[in-house]
Amino acid sequence: MSIPKTIANAVNPIHISLEALAKLGAPKVVYVKAVRAEDLADQINDVSEIPEGADLFAVHAADGTPMALIDGREAAFAAALQHELEPVSVH
């Protein structure tokens, strides 16, 4: 009896480089992650322009390139979908 190919692949996973993994789904997949304004001080010229208590979410391309900083998770997902991208939440 032979094992179906899909099960065999699950038992014997394919090894993939980190670079190749980052390109999977690219350029359609984007990652959405909650961030704090104070953690962005080295990336934003004037953090004081960000409203206190803002619910910030960073949107990154599959390769890690920053694409946007958006106030609100739903807005971040909506912006990605509006640009025909596939948002994925990152914790």
C-alpha atoms as a PDB file:
ATOM      1  CA  MET A   1       0.000   0.000   0.000  1.00  0.00           C
ATOM      2  CA  SER A   2       1.444   3.399  -0.964  1.00  0.00           C
ATOM      3  CA  ILE A   3       0.962   6.602   1.011  1.00  0.00           C
ATOM      4  CA  PRO A   4      -0.922   9.359  -0.851  1.00  0.00           C
ATOM      5  CA  LYS A   5       1.417  12.155  -1.962  1.00  0.00           C
ATOM      6  CA  THR A   6      -0.288  14.812   0.207  1.00  0.00           C
ATOM      7  CA  ILE A   7       0.205  12.690   3.322  1.00  0.00           C
ATOM      8  CA  ALA A   8       3.782  11.828   2.337  1.00  0.00           C
ATOM      9  CA  ASN A   9       4.595  15.549   2.046  1.00  0.00           C
ATOM     10  CA  ALA A  10       3.182  16.149   5.526  1.00  0.00           C
ATOM     11  CA  VAL A  11       5.373  13.366   6.910  1.00  0.00           C
ATOM     12  CA  ASN A  12       8.432  14.450   4.901  1.00  0.00           C
ATOM     13  CA  PRO A  13       8.224  18.257   4.817  1.00  0.00           C
ATOM     14  CA  ILE A  14       9.999  20.180   2.105  1.00  0.00           C
ATOM     15  CA  HIS A  15      12.953  22.232   3.333  1.00  0.00           C
ATOM     16  CA  ILE A  16      12.891  25.847   2.194  1.00  0.00           C
ATOM     17  CA  SER A  17      15.291  28.742   2.744  1.00  0.00           C
ATOM     18  CA  LEU A  18      14.205  31.826   4.685  1.00  0.00           C
ATOM     19  CA  GLU A  19      14.594  33.891   1.513  1.00  0.00           C
ATOM     20  CA  ALA A  20      12.344  31.550  -0.464  1.00  0.00           C
ATOM     21  CA  LEU A  21       9.843  31.479   2.399  1.00  0.00           C
ATOM     22  CA  ALA A  22       9.678  35.299   2.394  1.00  0.00           C
ATOM     23  CA  LYS A  23       8.839  35.245  -1.317  1.00  0.00           C
ATOM     24  CA  LEU A  24       5.961  32.781  -0.965  1.00  0.00           C
ATOM     25  CA  GLY A  25       2.791  34.567  -1.905  1.00  0.00           C
ATOM     26  CA  ALA A  26       4.708  37.745  -2.709  1.00  0.00           C
ATOM     27  CA  PRO A  27       3.767  40.265  -3.850  1.00  0.00           C
ATOM     28  CA  LYS A  28       0.135  39.613  -2.857  1.00  0.00           C
ATOM     29  CA  VAL A  29       0.572  38.774   0.859  1.00  0.00           C
ATOM     30  CA  VAL A  30       1.087  41.569   3.373  1.00  0.00           C
ATOM     31  CA  TYR A  31       1.554  41.248   7.103  1.00  0.00           C
ATOM     32  CA  VAL A  32      -0.340  43.452   9.574  1.00  0.00           C
ATOM     33  CA  LYS A  33       1.061  43.923  13.076  1.00  0.00           C
ATOM     34  CA  ALA A  34       0.112  46.106  16.028  1.00  0.00           C
ATOM     35  CA  VAL A  35       2.853  48.601  16.913  1.00  0.00           C
ATOM     36  CA  ARG A  36       3.430  51.313  19.507  1.00  0.00           C
ATOM     37  CA  ALA A  37       4.341  54.847  18.440  1.00  0.00           C
ATOM     38  CA  GLU A  38       7.277  54.975  20.849  1.00  0.00           C
ATOM     39  CA  ASP A  39       8.770  51.890  19.179  1.00  0.00           C
ATOM     40  CA  LEU A  40       8.816  53.752  15.868  1.00  0.00           C
ATOM     41  CA  ALA A  41      10.908  56.727  16.993  1.00  0.00           C
ATOM     42  CA  ASP A  42      13.844  55.663  14.805  1.00  0.00           C
ATOM     43  CA  GLN A  43      11.571  55.377  11.730  1.00  0.00           C
ATOM     44  CA  ILE A  44       9.315  58.431  12.123  1.00  0.00           C
ATOM     45  CA  ASN A  45      10.704  61.959  12.234  1.00  0.00           C
ATOM     46  CA  ASP A  46       8.201  63.341  14.732  1.00  0.00           C
ATOM     47  CA  VAL A  47       6.436  60.743  16.873  1.00  0.00           C
ATOM     48  CA  SER A  48       4.684  63.602  18.692  1.00  0.00           C
ATOM     49  CA  GLU A  49       2.470  64.040  15.589  1.00  0.00           C
ATOM     50  CA  ILE A  50       0.884  60.653  16.297  1.00  0.00           C
ATOM     51  CA  PRO A  51      -2.180  61.032  18.548  1.00  0.00           C
ATOM     52  CA  GLU A  52      -1.733  59.608  22.036  1.00  0.00           C
ATOM     53  CA  GLY A  53      -3.352  56.203  22.356  1.00  0.00           C
ATOM     54  CA  ALA A  54      -3.545  55.680  18.579  1.00  0.00           C
ATOM     55  CA  ASP A  55      -4.267  52.077  17.640  1.00  0.00           C
ATOM     56  CA  LEU A  56      -1.386  51.731  15.148  1.00  0.00           C
ATOM     57  CA  PHE A  57      -0.832  48.869  12.743  1.00  0.00           C
ATOM     58  CA  ALA A  58       2.174  48.442  10.484  1.00  0.00           C
ATOM     59  CA  VAL A  59       1.682  46.826   7.093  1.00  0.00           C
ATOM     60  CA  HIS A  60       4.713  45.011   5.658  1.00  0.00           C
ATOM     61  CA  ALA A  61       5.331  43.235   2.358  1.00  0.00           C
ATOM     62  CA  ALA A  62       6.123  39.518   2.484  1.00  0.00           C
ATOM     63  CA  ASP A  63       9.848  40.345   2.348  1.00  0.00           C
ATOM     64  CA  GLY A  64       9.551  42.622   5.403  1.00  0.00           C
ATOM     65  CA  THR A  65       9.550  45.949   3.553  1.00  0.00           C
ATOM     66  CA  PRO A  66       7.432  48.509   5.454  1.00  0.00           C
ATOM     67  CA  MET A  67       4.476  49.640   3.348  1.00  0.00           C
ATOM     68  CA  ALA A  68       2.169  51.643   5.617  1.00  0.00           C
ATOM     69  CA  LEU A  69       1.368  52.728   9.147  1.00  0.00           C
ATOM     70  CA  ILE A  70      -2.386  52.868   9.720  1.00  0.00           C
ATOM     71  CA  ASP A  71      -4.583  53.819  12.663  1.00  0.00           C
ATOM     72  CA  GLY A  72      -6.767  50.772  13.361  1.00  0.00           C
ATOM     73  CA  ARG A  73      -6.630  47.089  12.499  1.00  0.00           C
ATOM     74  CA  GLU A  74      -9.800  47.111  10.411  1.00  0.00           C
ATOM     75  CA  ALA A  75      -8.521  50.094   8.420  1.00  0.00           C
ATOM     76  CA  ALA A  76      -5.185  48.325   7.807  1.00  0.00           C
ATOM     77  CA  PHE A  77      -6.955  45.218   6.495  1.00  0.00           C
ATOM     78  CA  ALA A  78      -9.351  47.321   4.401  1.00  0.00           C
ATOM     79  CA  ALA A  79      -6.458  49.276   2.853  1.00  0.00           C
ATOM     80  CA  ALA A  80      -4.663  46.055   1.932  1.00  0.00           C
ATOM     81  CA  LEU A  81      -7.802  44.556   0.387  1.00  0.00           C
ATOM     82  CA  GLN A  82      -8.496  47.785  -1.507  1.00  0.00           C
ATOM     83  CA  HIS A  83      -5.086  47.371  -3.155  1.00  0.00           C
ATOM     84  CA  GLU A  84      -5.860  43.724  -4.010  1.00  0.00           C
ATOM     85  CA  LEU A  85      -3.448  42.397  -1.380  1.00  0.00           C
ATOM     86  CA  GLU A  86      -4.012  39.536   1.052  1.00  0.00           C
ATOM     87  CA  PRO A  87      -3.550  40.754   4.647  1.00  0.00           C
ATOM     88  CA  VAL A  88      -2.355  38.320   7.321  1.00  0.00           C
ATOM     89  CA  SER A  89      -2.280  39.168  11.015  1.00  0.00           C
ATOM     90  CA  VAL A  90       1.066  38.852  12.821  1.00  0.00           C
ATOM     91  CA  HIS A  91       1.336  38.776  16.621  1.00  0.00           C
END
